[in-house]
C-alpha cells in the first residue's frame, strides 16, 4: 500500500502528510508553474501581426509559431507524465521548468522565424514535463478530504488562466513591445523553480516492469497526426492530401496503441480497459466537450469584438474576463457542491448552465445589442464550465491509482488539448460557413473584387469596405450581420452538443459521490523519496 509521500524538508502532520501550511505552499507552487504553461498557449495570439511584420512571415508561418507549441505539448504529455511517475515527480517538474524557462528566453530573443519555431518546440517539450506533474503532485500529496478543493484551484487556472495570460500579453504588447509578452512566463518559471525546491515533496512509482517505450512512441505519432489535422485542416483544406494522410496516420497509430496496450496489461503505458469505468470515460468526454466549447467561443468572440464592435485587441481581451473569472470562481465552489449533491449532479448542473449560456448567446446576440447581448451567455458558460471541470478532473484522476497519477494527469491534459483543437476547428468552421452563406445574398451591386474579398471573412470585409465608396455602409452592415448569423449557427450547434453530453452524463456519468484516488493495491507501490 502506498503512502502520501512527504520529503524531510516539508513539515508533516500526525498522519504522515504535509501540514496545512505546507499544503498551501505546494498548491501555490504548482499553480504558478501551471499558469506559466497555460499563458504560453494563448499569449502569442495577440502578437500575430507583429510577428508577421518583424519576421516578414506568411500567415501560415505565424500559425506554425503559435500551434507548434501546442502540438509538442499534446504529443508528449502521456509519455512524459508516465516518466515523471517513474523518475520522480519533483525532479521532472524541476527539469521541465528549466527547459521551459530557457526555451522561453530564446523565443523572446529569436532573430528569425526559424529560431522562434525551434524555441517553441522546446518550450512545448518543457510544458509537457510540467503540466501533468502539477496535477499529479496535488493528487498524490493532498489528503482525500482536501484534494477536491485543490483540484478546483488547478482546474480554475487551467480553464481561465489562458484568458488571464492573453490579457496580460495584450497589455504588454500595447504598452511596450510584443517580445515583452515572454516576460510573464519567465517570471512565473523563476518563482516556481525556487518554490519547488523548498516546498514540493517527491514521489515516484516503483515497478519491476520496463517502461512501455513502444506505447509511448505510438501515442506520440497518434496525437501528432490527429492534432495536426485539427490545426491545419481549416488552413490547408479538409480534403488536402497532407490533411488526409495525417488523419490516416493518426487513426492507424491510435488503433495500434489500443491494441498494444490491451496486450500489455501489467506494463502498459495506459490500461485502456479503464475507460470502461464511468468516471474515466464520463470525465474525459466532459472535459473534451467543455474545453472544446471554451476554445471555440474564443475563436468567434474576438472577431465579434474587433470587426463587429470595432474594439481594440486589449479591450477585446478585457471583455473575455467575466467568463474567465466566473469559471475560476465556480471551479473553486464545485467541490463543496459535489459534497452536497454528488459529483455527477454537479457535472449535470454545470453542463446544463454551459449549454444554456450558448443558447442565450444564440438568442440574444445582435449587432445593435453589442457586448451586453453576449454577456449573460458568457457568464452562464463560465459558471457552468467551472462547475463541470473540477468533478470531471477528479473522476479521471480517481480512476487511476496514486502511483499512476502522472499518467492520469497527462490523460486529463491530452483530453483538454484535443478538445481545444476540436472546438476551434468545429466552431470556427461553422461560423465561417454561416458567414459565407449569409453574405452571398447581401453583396449585389458591390464591385466584384471587393465582394470576393468580403466573402473571405468579416475582418476582410471591414478592411475592404473603405474602397467601395458609397457602398461602404452596405458592405459593413452585410458583413457584421452575416457574422452574427454564422455566430448563431455555431452557438446552436454547441448547445446541441452540450445537450447530448448532458444526456450521456445523466445516464452514464460518474457515480454521484465524491471520487477518490483508486485503490493502489492493484498496482506497484509508490514510495516516498528524499
Protein backbone atom coordinates (compact mmCIF):
# COMPACT_ATOMS: atom_id res chain seq x y z
CA UNK A 1 0.00 0.00 0.00
CA UNK A 2 1.37 3.40 -0.92
CA UNK A 3 1.67 6.30 1.44
CA UNK A 4 1.36 10.02 0.92
CA UNK A 5 4.92 10.95 0.02
CA UNK A 6 6.48 13.70 2.14
CA UNK A 7 10.11 14.66 1.98
CA UNK A 8 12.10 15.65 5.01
CA UNK A 9 12.13 19.34 4.12
CA UNK A 10 8.32 19.52 4.16
CA UNK A 11 6.56 19.79 7.55
CA UNK A 12 4.21 16.85 8.10
CA UNK A 13 1.33 16.20 10.43
CA UNK A 14 0.47 13.23 12.57
CA UNK A 15 -0.88 11.18 9.64
CA UNK A 16 2.29 11.48 7.57
CA UNK A 17 1.04 14.17 5.18
CA UNK A 18 2.29 17.74 4.86
CA UNK A 19 0.61 20.12 7.28
CA UNK A 20 -1.86 22.81 6.19
CA UNK A 21 0.79 25.47 5.64
CA UNK A 22 2.95 23.11 3.59
CA UNK A 23 -0.03 22.04 1.50
CA UNK A 24 -0.87 25.66 0.80
CA UNK A 25 2.70 26.29 -0.42
CA UNK A 26 2.55 23.19 -2.61
CA UNK A 27 -0.71 24.35 -4.20
CA UNK A 28 0.65 27.85 -4.83
CA UNK A 29 3.81 26.41 -6.39
CA UNK A 30 2.11 24.06 -8.84
CA UNK A 31 -0.45 26.76 -9.68
CA UNK A 32 2.32 29.19 -10.64
CA UNK A 33 4.00 26.51 -12.77
CA UNK A 34 0.70 25.69 -14.46
CA UNK A 35 -0.01 29.35 -15.15
CA UNK A 36 3.32 29.69 -16.97
CA UNK A 37 2.38 26.82 -19.29
CA UNK A 38 -1.21 28.00 -19.90
CA UNK A 39 -0.20 31.62 -20.52
CA UNK A 40 2.17 30.49 -23.25
CA UNK A 41 -0.62 28.64 -25.06
CA UNK A 42 -2.64 31.79 -25.74
CA UNK A 43 -0.19 34.69 -25.30
CA UNK A 44 1.19 34.81 -28.84
CA UNK A 45 -2.29 35.09 -30.35
CA UNK A 46 -2.25 38.83 -29.65
CA UNK A 47 1.08 39.31 -31.46
CA UNK A 48 0.31 37.68 -34.83
CA UNK A 49 0.54 40.86 -36.88
CA UNK A 50 3.71 41.96 -35.07
CA UNK A 51 5.46 38.66 -35.82
CA UNK A 52 4.33 38.72 -39.45
CA UNK A 53 5.86 42.16 -39.92
CA UNK A 54 9.09 41.62 -37.96
CA UNK A 55 9.87 38.24 -39.50
CA UNK A 56 8.39 39.07 -42.92
CA UNK A 57 6.46 35.84 -42.41
CA UNK A 58 3.33 34.46 -44.06
CA UNK A 59 0.16 33.77 -42.09
CA UNK A 60 0.94 30.06 -42.34
CA UNK A 61 4.35 30.57 -40.70
CA UNK A 62 2.82 32.69 -37.94
CA UNK A 63 0.23 29.99 -37.24
CA UNK A 64 3.01 27.40 -37.04
CA UNK A 65 4.82 29.54 -34.46
CA UNK A 66 1.63 29.52 -32.38
CA UNK A 67 0.47 25.94 -32.98
CA UNK A 68 3.78 24.06 -32.81
CA UNK A 69 3.90 24.67 -29.05
CA UNK A 70 0.51 23.04 -28.53
CA UNK A 71 1.40 20.19 -30.88
CA UNK A 72 4.59 19.33 -28.96
CA UNK A 73 2.82 19.74 -25.63
CA UNK A 74 -0.10 17.44 -26.53
CA UNK A 75 2.09 14.79 -28.17
CA UNK A 76 4.42 14.33 -25.19
CA UNK A 77 2.03 14.68 -22.25
CA UNK A 78 1.31 10.97 -21.83
CA UNK A 79 4.88 9.56 -22.12
CA UNK A 80 6.44 12.34 -20.03
CA UNK A 81 3.69 12.07 -17.41
CA UNK A 82 4.47 8.35 -17.13
CA UNK A 83 8.21 9.06 -16.91
CA UNK A 84 7.52 11.52 -14.11
CA UNK A 85 5.78 8.75 -12.19
CA UNK A 86 8.87 6.55 -12.52
CA UNK A 87 11.73 9.04 -12.21
CA UNK A 88 10.17 11.20 -9.52
CA UNK A 89 7.67 14.00 -9.83
CA UNK A 90 9.74 16.76 -8.26
CA UNK A 91 12.84 16.10 -10.43
CA UNK A 92 10.63 16.03 -13.53
CA UNK A 93 8.95 19.30 -12.51
CA UNK A 94 12.31 20.98 -11.89
CA UNK A 95 13.73 19.73 -15.20
CA UNK A 96 10.61 20.83 -17.06
CA UNK A 97 10.73 24.30 -15.56
CA UNK A 98 14.38 24.62 -16.55
CA UNK A 99 13.80 23.50 -20.15
CA UNK A 100 10.69 25.65 -20.47
CA UNK A 101 12.33 28.73 -18.99
CA UNK A 102 15.45 28.62 -21.19
CA UNK A 103 13.37 27.99 -24.33
CA UNK A 104 11.04 30.88 -23.48
CA UNK A 105 14.00 33.26 -23.13
CA UNK A 106 15.33 32.09 -26.52
CA UNK A 107 11.89 32.63 -28.07
CA UNK A 108 11.74 36.15 -26.68
CA UNK A 109 15.09 36.97 -28.30
CA UNK A 110 14.62 34.93 -31.51
CA UNK A 111 16.02 36.83 -34.53
CA UNK A 112 14.23 34.73 -37.17
CA UNK A 113 11.01 32.78 -37.55
CA UNK A 114 13.01 29.54 -37.77
CA UNK A 115 14.66 30.14 -34.39
CA UNK A 116 11.29 31.08 -32.93
CA UNK A 117 9.68 27.85 -34.16
CA UNK A 118 12.53 25.76 -32.74
CA UNK A 119 12.29 27.55 -29.40
CA UNK A 120 8.54 26.99 -29.32
CA UNK A 121 9.04 23.26 -29.91
CA UNK A 122 11.41 23.05 -26.95
CA UNK A 123 9.00 25.15 -24.87
CA UNK A 124 6.29 22.62 -25.66
CA UNK A 125 8.54 19.78 -24.51
CA UNK A 126 9.21 21.57 -21.24
CA UNK A 127 5.50 22.29 -20.83
CA UNK A 128 4.71 18.60 -21.32
CA UNK A 129 7.11 17.82 -18.45
CA UNK A 130 5.43 20.39 -16.21
CA UNK A 131 1.71 20.19 -16.83
CA UNK A 132 0.87 16.59 -15.85
CA UNK A 133 3.18 16.76 -12.85
CA UNK A 134 1.40 19.80 -11.38
CA UNK A 135 -1.85 17.86 -11.06
CA UNK A 136 -0.08 14.62 -10.08
CA UNK A 137 1.61 16.41 -7.18
CA UNK A 138 -1.82 17.51 -5.92
CA UNK A 139 -3.50 14.10 -6.23
CA UNK A 140 -0.56 12.21 -4.72
CA UNK A 141 0.08 14.66 -1.85
CA UNK A 142 -3.21 16.12 -0.66
CA UNK A 143 -5.36 14.03 1.69
CA UNK A 144 -8.72 12.98 0.28
CA UNK A 145 -10.77 15.49 2.26
CA UNK A 146 -8.74 18.42 0.85
CA UNK A 147 -8.00 17.07 -2.60
CA UNK A 148 -11.21 18.30 -4.24
CA UNK A 149 -10.62 21.91 -3.23
CA UNK A 150 -7.04 21.80 -4.52
CA UNK A 151 -8.15 20.26 -7.81
CA UNK A 152 -10.75 23.03 -8.06
CA UNK A 153 -7.98 25.63 -7.90
CA UNK A 154 -5.99 23.70 -10.53
CA UNK A 155 -8.93 23.39 -12.92
CA UNK A 156 -9.80 27.06 -12.46
CA UNK A 157 -6.32 28.09 -13.53
CA UNK A 158 -6.30 25.55 -16.36
CA UNK A 159 -9.63 26.89 -17.62
CA UNK A 160 -9.39 30.63 -17.02
CA UNK A 161 -5.63 31.07 -16.95
CA UNK A 162 -5.38 31.25 -20.72
CA UNK A 163 -7.65 34.29 -20.84
CA UNK A 164 -5.76 35.95 -17.99
CA UNK A 165 -2.50 35.24 -19.79
CA UNK A 166 -3.86 36.67 -23.02
CA UNK A 167 -4.96 39.84 -21.21
CA UNK A 168 -1.52 40.38 -19.70
CA UNK A 169 0.13 39.63 -23.05
CA UNK A 170 -2.14 42.14 -24.83
CA UNK A 171 -1.34 44.73 -22.17
CA UNK A 172 2.40 44.22 -22.62
CA UNK A 173 2.07 44.44 -26.40
CA UNK A 174 0.11 47.69 -26.12
CA UNK A 175 2.33 49.45 -23.58
CA UNK A 176 5.73 48.04 -24.56
CA UNK A 177 6.75 45.60 -27.33
CA UNK A 178 5.41 42.22 -28.38
CA UNK A 179 8.59 40.46 -27.23
CA UNK A 180 7.84 41.52 -23.67
CA UNK A 181 4.95 39.06 -23.55
CA UNK A 182 7.54 36.32 -22.91
CA UNK A 183 8.45 38.07 -19.67
CA UNK A 184 5.40 36.78 -17.80
CA UNK A 185 6.13 33.04 -18.21
CA UNK A 186 9.83 33.59 -17.42
CA UNK A 187 8.98 35.36 -14.15
CA UNK A 188 6.50 32.60 -13.28
CA UNK A 189 9.08 29.90 -14.03
CA UNK A 190 11.70 31.54 -11.80
CA UNK A 191 9.20 31.79 -8.95
CA UNK A 192 8.04 28.18 -9.45
CA UNK A 193 11.63 26.88 -9.51
CA UNK A 194 12.50 28.47 -6.20
CA UNK A 195 9.27 27.36 -4.54
CA UNK A 196 9.53 23.80 -5.91
CA UNK A 197 12.96 23.37 -4.34
CA UNK A 198 11.59 24.50 -0.96
CA UNK A 199 8.05 23.23 -0.87
CA UNK A 200 7.17 20.37 -3.24
CA UNK A 201 7.53 16.79 -1.96
CA UNK A 202 8.62 13.98 -4.21
CA UNK A 203 7.07 10.64 -5.02
CA UNK A 204 7.54 8.02 -7.69
CA UNK A 205 6.33 4.66 -8.88
CA UNK A 206 8.42 1.55 -8.30
CA UNK A 207 7.78 -1.18 -10.84
CA UNK A 208 9.50 -4.37 -11.91
CA UNK A 209 8.34 -3.77 -15.47
CA UNK A 210 10.25 -1.82 -18.10
CA UNK A 211 8.89 1.48 -19.36
CA UNK A 212 6.45 0.98 -22.24
CA UNK A 213 8.62 2.60 -24.92
CA UNK A 214 6.62 1.24 -27.85
CA UNK A 215 3.34 2.51 -26.39
CA UNK A 216 4.90 5.91 -25.72
CA UNK A 217 6.22 6.27 -29.29
CA UNK A 218 2.96 5.12 -30.88
CA UNK A 219 0.98 7.51 -28.69
CA UNK A 220 3.16 10.40 -29.88
CA UNK A 221 2.51 9.51 -33.54
CA UNK A 222 -1.24 9.21 -32.91
CA UNK A 223 -1.53 12.54 -31.11
CA UNK A 224 0.65 14.42 -33.61
CA UNK A 225 -1.33 13.05 -36.54
CA UNK A 226 -4.75 13.88 -35.12
CA UNK A 227 -3.86 17.28 -33.67
CA UNK A 228 -2.19 18.25 -36.96
CA UNK A 229 -5.44 17.51 -38.79
CA UNK A 230 -7.45 19.70 -36.41
CA UNK A 231 -4.96 22.55 -36.51
CA UNK A 232 -4.14 22.55 -40.21
CA UNK A 233 -7.43 21.32 -41.71
CA UNK A 234 -9.07 24.78 -41.71
CA UNK A 235 -5.94 26.36 -43.25
CA UNK A 236 -4.92 23.72 -45.82
CA UNK A 237 -8.39 22.29 -46.53
CA UNK A 238 -10.03 19.19 -45.08
CA UNK A 239 -9.53 17.23 -48.31
CA UNK A 240 -5.93 18.32 -48.92
CA UNK A 241 -3.54 15.35 -49.34
CA UNK A 242 -1.46 16.26 -46.27
CA UNK A 243 -4.62 16.54 -44.16
CA UNK A 244 -5.95 13.15 -45.25
CA UNK A 245 -2.54 11.47 -44.87
CA UNK A 246 -2.15 12.90 -41.37
CA UNK A 247 -5.66 11.73 -40.47
CA UNK A 248 -4.91 8.22 -41.69
CA UNK A 249 -1.61 8.07 -39.80
CA UNK A 250 -3.25 9.36 -36.62
CA UNK A 251 -6.15 6.90 -36.74
CA UNK A 252 -3.92 3.92 -37.56
CA UNK A 253 -1.49 4.82 -34.78
CA UNK A 254 -4.39 5.24 -32.33
CA UNK A 255 -5.70 1.78 -33.25
CA UNK A 256 -2.22 0.27 -32.88
CA UNK A 257 -1.84 1.99 -29.49
CA UNK A 258 -5.10 0.50 -28.21
CA UNK A 259 -4.19 -2.98 -29.48
CA UNK A 260 -0.69 -2.77 -27.98
CA UNK A 261 -1.91 -1.58 -24.59
CA UNK A 262 -4.58 -4.30 -24.46
CA UNK A 263 -1.83 -6.86 -24.85
CA UNK A 264 0.35 -5.42 -22.03
CA UNK A 265 -1.93 -5.10 -19.01
CA UNK A 266 0.80 -5.21 -16.36
CA UNK A 267 3.33 -2.98 -18.09
CA UNK A 268 1.16 -0.77 -20.25
CA UNK A 269 1.54 2.97 -20.54
CA UNK A 270 -2.22 3.31 -20.11
CA UNK A 271 -4.59 0.43 -19.37
CA UNK A 272 -7.30 1.28 -21.91
CA UNK A 273 -9.69 -1.11 -20.15
CA UNK A 274 -10.08 1.60 -17.52
CA UNK A 275 -12.27 3.52 -19.96
CA UNK A 276 -15.00 1.05 -19.06
CA UNK A 277 -15.19 2.95 -15.78
CA UNK A 278 -17.86 5.61 -15.76
CA UNK A 279 -15.56 8.06 -14.03
CA UNK A 280 -12.79 7.90 -16.61
CA UNK A 281 -15.00 7.83 -19.70
CA UNK A 282 -17.50 10.40 -18.41
CA UNK A 283 -14.85 12.76 -17.06
CA UNK A 284 -12.78 12.57 -20.26
CA UNK A 285 -15.78 13.18 -22.52
CA UNK A 286 -16.92 16.13 -20.41
CA UNK A 287 -13.50 17.80 -20.49
CA UNK A 288 -13.23 17.16 -24.23
CA UNK A 289 -16.51 18.97 -24.87
CA UNK A 290 -16.12 21.73 -22.26
CA UNK A 291 -12.65 22.79 -23.35
CA UNK A 292 -13.67 22.46 -26.99
CA UNK A 293 -16.55 24.84 -26.40
CA UNK A 294 -14.34 27.28 -24.47
CA UNK A 295 -11.71 27.38 -27.20
CA UNK A 296 -14.30 27.63 -29.95
CA UNK A 297 -16.00 30.53 -28.19
CA UNK A 298 -12.69 32.38 -28.18
CA UNK A 299 -12.43 31.96 -31.95
CA UNK A 300 -15.79 33.63 -32.56
CA UNK A 301 -15.65 36.23 -29.79
CA UNK A 302 -12.58 38.10 -30.96
CA UNK A 303 -13.85 38.79 -34.49
CA UNK A 304 -17.15 39.89 -32.94
CA UNK A 305 -15.44 42.32 -30.59
CA UNK A 306 -12.91 43.63 -33.10
CA UNK A 307 -14.63 43.52 -36.50
CA UNK A 308 -18.28 43.92 -35.47
CA UNK A 309 -17.92 46.19 -32.42
CA UNK A 310 -14.66 47.84 -33.55
CA UNK A 311 -12.77 47.22 -30.30
CA UNK A 312 -9.01 47.00 -29.82
CA UNK A 313 -7.27 43.72 -29.03
CA UNK A 314 -6.73 44.75 -25.40
CA UNK A 315 -10.34 45.77 -24.88
CA UNK A 316 -11.50 42.56 -26.55
CA UNK A 317 -9.41 40.55 -24.10
CA UNK A 318 -10.82 42.50 -21.16
CA UNK A 319 -14.30 41.64 -22.43
CA UNK A 320 -13.46 37.93 -22.03
CA UNK A 321 -12.51 38.35 -18.38
CA UNK A 322 -16.01 37.94 -16.87
CA UNK A 323 -16.22 34.41 -18.30
CA UNK A 324 -12.72 33.56 -17.05
CA UNK A 325 -13.37 34.92 -13.55
CA UNK A 326 -16.75 33.16 -13.34
CA UNK A 327 -15.07 29.92 -14.43
CA UNK A 328 -12.30 30.20 -11.85
CA UNK A 329 -14.72 31.08 -9.04
CA UNK A 330 -17.14 28.24 -9.80
CA UNK A 331 -14.24 25.76 -10.12
CA UNK A 332 -13.39 26.54 -6.51
CA UNK A 333 -17.02 26.13 -5.41
CA UNK A 334 -17.57 22.86 -7.28
CA UNK A 335 -16.08 20.58 -4.57
CA UNK A 336 -18.47 21.99 -1.96
CA UNK A 337 -21.42 21.49 -4.29
CA UNK A 338 -20.28 17.96 -5.11
CA UNK A 339 -20.06 17.16 -1.40
CA UNK A 340 -23.70 18.21 -1.07
CA UNK A 341 -25.39 16.84 -4.19
CA UNK A 342 -22.75 14.46 -5.57
CA UNK A 343 -20.19 14.62 -8.37
CA UNK A 344 -22.48 13.55 -11.21
CA UNK A 345 -25.23 16.03 -10.32
CA UNK A 346 -22.62 18.80 -10.09
CA UNK A 347 -21.44 17.91 -13.59
CA UNK A 348 -25.06 17.84 -14.79
CA UNK A 349 -25.66 21.32 -13.31
CA UNK A 350 -22.50 22.67 -14.94
CA UNK A 351 -23.22 21.17 -18.36
CA UNK A 352 -26.79 22.49 -18.22
CA UNK A 353 -25.61 26.02 -17.42
CA UNK A 354 -22.92 25.94 -20.12
CA UNK A 355 -25.43 24.75 -22.72
CA UNK A 356 -27.91 27.40 -21.60
CA UNK A 357 -25.19 30.02 -21.98
CA UNK A 358 -24.60 29.04 -25.59
CA UNK A 359 -28.34 29.12 -26.26
CA UNK A 360 -28.55 32.59 -24.69
CA UNK A 361 -25.80 33.86 -26.96
CA UNK A 362 -27.56 32.41 -29.98
CA UNK A 363 -30.84 34.04 -29.00
CA UNK A 364 -29.65 37.43 -27.78
CA UNK A 365 -26.62 38.32 -29.93
CA UNK A 366 -27.09 41.24 -32.31
CA UNK A 367 -25.02 43.98 -33.89
CA UNK A 368 -27.05 46.69 -32.20
CA UNK A 369 -27.07 44.93 -28.83
CA UNK A 370 -23.28 44.91 -28.70
CA UNK A 371 -21.45 43.45 -25.71
CA UNK A 372 -24.49 43.33 -23.45
CA UNK A 373 -26.18 40.92 -25.85
CA UNK A 374 -23.49 38.27 -25.21
CA UNK A 375 -22.56 38.99 -21.58
CA UNK A 376 -25.36 36.90 -19.93
CA UNK A 377 -24.38 33.91 -22.04
CA UNK A 378 -20.68 34.37 -21.24
CA UNK A 379 -21.37 34.42 -17.51
CA UNK A 380 -23.62 31.34 -17.65
CA UNK A 381 -21.00 29.49 -19.69
CA UNK A 382 -18.19 30.46 -17.32
CA UNK A 383 -20.09 29.25 -14.26
CA UNK A 384 -21.21 26.07 -15.99
CA UNK A 385 -17.77 25.14 -17.29
CA UNK A 386 -16.21 25.75 -13.88
CA UNK A 387 -18.75 23.52 -12.17
CA UNK A 388 -18.24 20.69 -14.65
CA UNK A 389 -14.43 20.79 -14.93
CA UNK A 390 -13.50 20.07 -11.31
CA UNK A 391 -15.57 16.88 -10.77
CA UNK A 392 -14.57 15.70 -14.25
CA UNK A 393 -10.88 16.07 -13.40
CA UNK A 394 -11.44 14.31 -10.06
CA UNK A 395 -13.24 11.49 -11.87
CA UNK A 396 -10.27 10.97 -14.21
CA UNK A 397 -7.56 11.10 -11.55
CA UNK A 398 -9.69 8.99 -9.22
CA UNK A 399 -9.83 6.20 -11.80
CA UNK A 400 -6.09 5.50 -11.59
CA UNK A 401 -4.05 4.57 -8.50
CA UNK A 402 -1.88 7.08 -6.67
CA UNK A 403 1.39 5.91 -8.19
CA UNK A 404 -0.06 6.38 -11.70
CA UNK A 405 -1.16 9.97 -11.14
CA UNK A 406 1.31 11.32 -13.70
CA UNK A 407 -0.43 9.19 -16.33
CA UNK A 408 -3.87 10.19 -15.02
CA UNK A 409 -2.95 13.85 -15.11
CA UNK A 410 -1.45 13.53 -18.59
CA UNK A 411 -4.63 11.85 -19.82
CA UNK A 412 -6.62 14.73 -18.37
CA UNK A 413 -4.36 17.21 -20.19
CA UNK A 414 -4.37 15.34 -23.52
CA UNK A 415 -8.17 15.36 -23.41
CA UNK A 416 -8.10 19.13 -22.86
CA UNK A 417 -5.75 19.69 -25.79
CA UNK A 418 -7.80 17.51 -28.13
CA UNK A 419 -10.95 19.30 -27.05
CA UNK A 420 -9.35 22.68 -27.62
CA UNK A 421 -8.19 21.81 -31.14
CA UNK A 422 -11.51 20.16 -31.99
CA UNK A 423 -13.55 23.10 -30.70
CA UNK A 424 -11.53 25.67 -32.63
CA UNK A 425 -11.84 23.65 -35.83
CA UNK A 426 -15.55 22.87 -35.47
CA UNK A 427 -16.98 26.16 -34.21
CA UNK A 428 -14.62 28.16 -36.40
CA UNK A 429 -15.76 26.21 -39.46
CA UNK A 430 -19.43 26.65 -38.55
CA UNK A 431 -19.06 30.41 -38.15
CA UNK A 432 -17.15 30.71 -41.44
CA UNK A 433 -19.69 28.61 -43.32
CA UNK A 434 -22.62 30.54 -41.86
CA UNK A 435 -20.93 33.85 -42.69
CA UNK A 436 -20.29 32.91 -46.32
CA UNK A 437 -23.78 31.52 -46.84
CA UNK A 438 -25.36 34.65 -45.39
CA UNK A 439 -23.23 37.30 -47.08
CA UNK A 440 -23.57 35.83 -50.57
CA UNK A 441 -27.06 37.28 -50.84
CA UNK A 442 -26.03 40.70 -49.49
CA UNK A 443 -23.36 41.77 -51.98
CA UNK A 444 -25.42 42.50 -55.07
CA UNK A 445 -24.18 45.67 -56.76
CA UNK A 446 -20.81 45.60 -54.93
CA UNK A 447 -17.72 45.63 -57.23
CA UNK A 448 -16.62 42.05 -57.90
CA UNK A 449 -13.14 42.36 -56.37
CA UNK A 450 -14.43 43.93 -53.17
CA UNK A 451 -17.24 41.38 -52.96
CA UNK A 452 -14.80 38.48 -53.28
CA UNK A 453 -12.64 39.96 -50.52
CA UNK A 454 -15.67 40.49 -48.27
CA UNK A 455 -16.67 36.83 -48.68
CA UNK A 456 -13.34 35.72 -47.15
CA UNK A 457 -14.29 36.89 -43.64
CA UNK A 458 -15.67 39.71 -41.58
CA UNK A 459 -12.25 41.28 -40.94
CA UNK A 460 -11.55 41.27 -44.68
CA UNK A 461 -14.90 42.91 -45.34
CA UNK A 462 -14.24 45.66 -42.80
CA UNK A 463 -10.85 46.32 -44.38
CA UNK A 464 -12.12 46.47 -47.97
CA UNK A 465 -15.29 48.46 -47.22
CA UNK A 466 -13.42 51.78 -47.42
CA UNK A 467 -12.56 51.15 -51.07
CA UNK A 468 -16.17 50.64 -52.15
CA UNK A 469 -17.21 54.31 -51.99
CA UNK A 470 -20.92 54.76 -51.41
CA UNK A 471 -21.32 51.02 -50.92
CA UNK A 472 -19.19 51.05 -47.74
CA UNK A 473 -22.10 51.20 -45.23
CA UNK A 474 -23.86 48.35 -47.06
CA UNK A 475 -20.73 46.19 -47.07
CA UNK A 476 -20.11 46.80 -43.37
CA UNK A 477 -23.71 46.08 -42.41
CA UNK A 478 -23.81 42.93 -44.55
CA UNK A 479 -20.55 41.62 -43.10
CA UNK A 480 -21.48 42.32 -39.50
CA UNK A 481 -24.96 40.81 -39.80
CA UNK A 482 -23.61 37.80 -41.69
CA UNK A 483 -21.07 37.18 -38.94
CA UNK A 484 -23.86 37.26 -36.36
CA UNK A 485 -25.78 34.74 -38.48
CA UNK A 486 -22.73 32.45 -38.51
CA UNK A 487 -22.27 33.02 -34.78
CA UNK A 488 -25.85 31.89 -34.10
CA UNK A 489 -25.35 28.76 -36.18
CA UNK A 490 -22.22 27.86 -34.20
CA UNK A 491 -23.86 28.59 -30.83
CA UNK A 492 -26.88 26.42 -31.59
CA UNK A 493 -24.56 23.59 -32.66
CA UNK A 494 -22.59 23.97 -29.43
CA UNK A 495 -25.78 23.97 -27.37
CA UNK A 496 -26.87 20.76 -29.12
CA UNK A 497 -23.54 19.12 -28.33
CA UNK A 498 -23.85 20.15 -24.69
CA UNK A 499 -27.37 18.71 -24.67
CA UNK A 500 -26.10 15.36 -25.96
CA UNK A 501 -23.36 15.39 -23.31
CA UNK A 502 -25.96 16.17 -20.65
CA UNK A 503 -27.99 13.10 -21.59
CA UNK A 504 -24.89 10.89 -21.55
CA UNK A 505 -23.64 12.11 -18.17
CA UNK A 506 -27.13 11.82 -16.66
CA UNK A 507 -27.38 8.20 -17.77
CA UNK A 508 -23.74 7.05 -17.75
CA UNK A 509 -21.76 9.65 -15.80
CA UNK A 510 -19.54 9.06 -12.77
CA UNK A 511 -21.13 7.78 -9.61
CA UNK A 512 -22.91 10.51 -7.71
CA UNK A 513 -20.30 10.54 -4.94
CA UNK A 514 -17.07 12.50 -4.49
CA UNK A 515 -14.40 10.39 -6.28
CA UNK A 516 -11.22 9.31 -4.55
CA UNK A 517 -7.93 8.11 -5.99
CA UNK A 518 -8.21 4.45 -6.95
CA UNK A 519 -7.01 1.72 -4.62
CA UNK A 520 -3.28 1.23 -5.03
CA UNK A 521 -3.30 -2.46 -4.19
CA UNK A 522 -3.69 -3.40 -7.87
CA UNK A 523 -0.50 -1.62 -8.92
CA UNK A 524 3.11 -1.10 -7.96
CA UNK A 525 3.84 0.61 -4.68
CA UNK A 526 4.56 4.32 -4.59
CA UNK A 527 7.39 5.19 -2.28
CA UNK A 528 8.50 8.43 -0.65
CA UNK A 529 11.75 9.78 -2.00
CA UNK A 530 14.03 12.12 -0.16
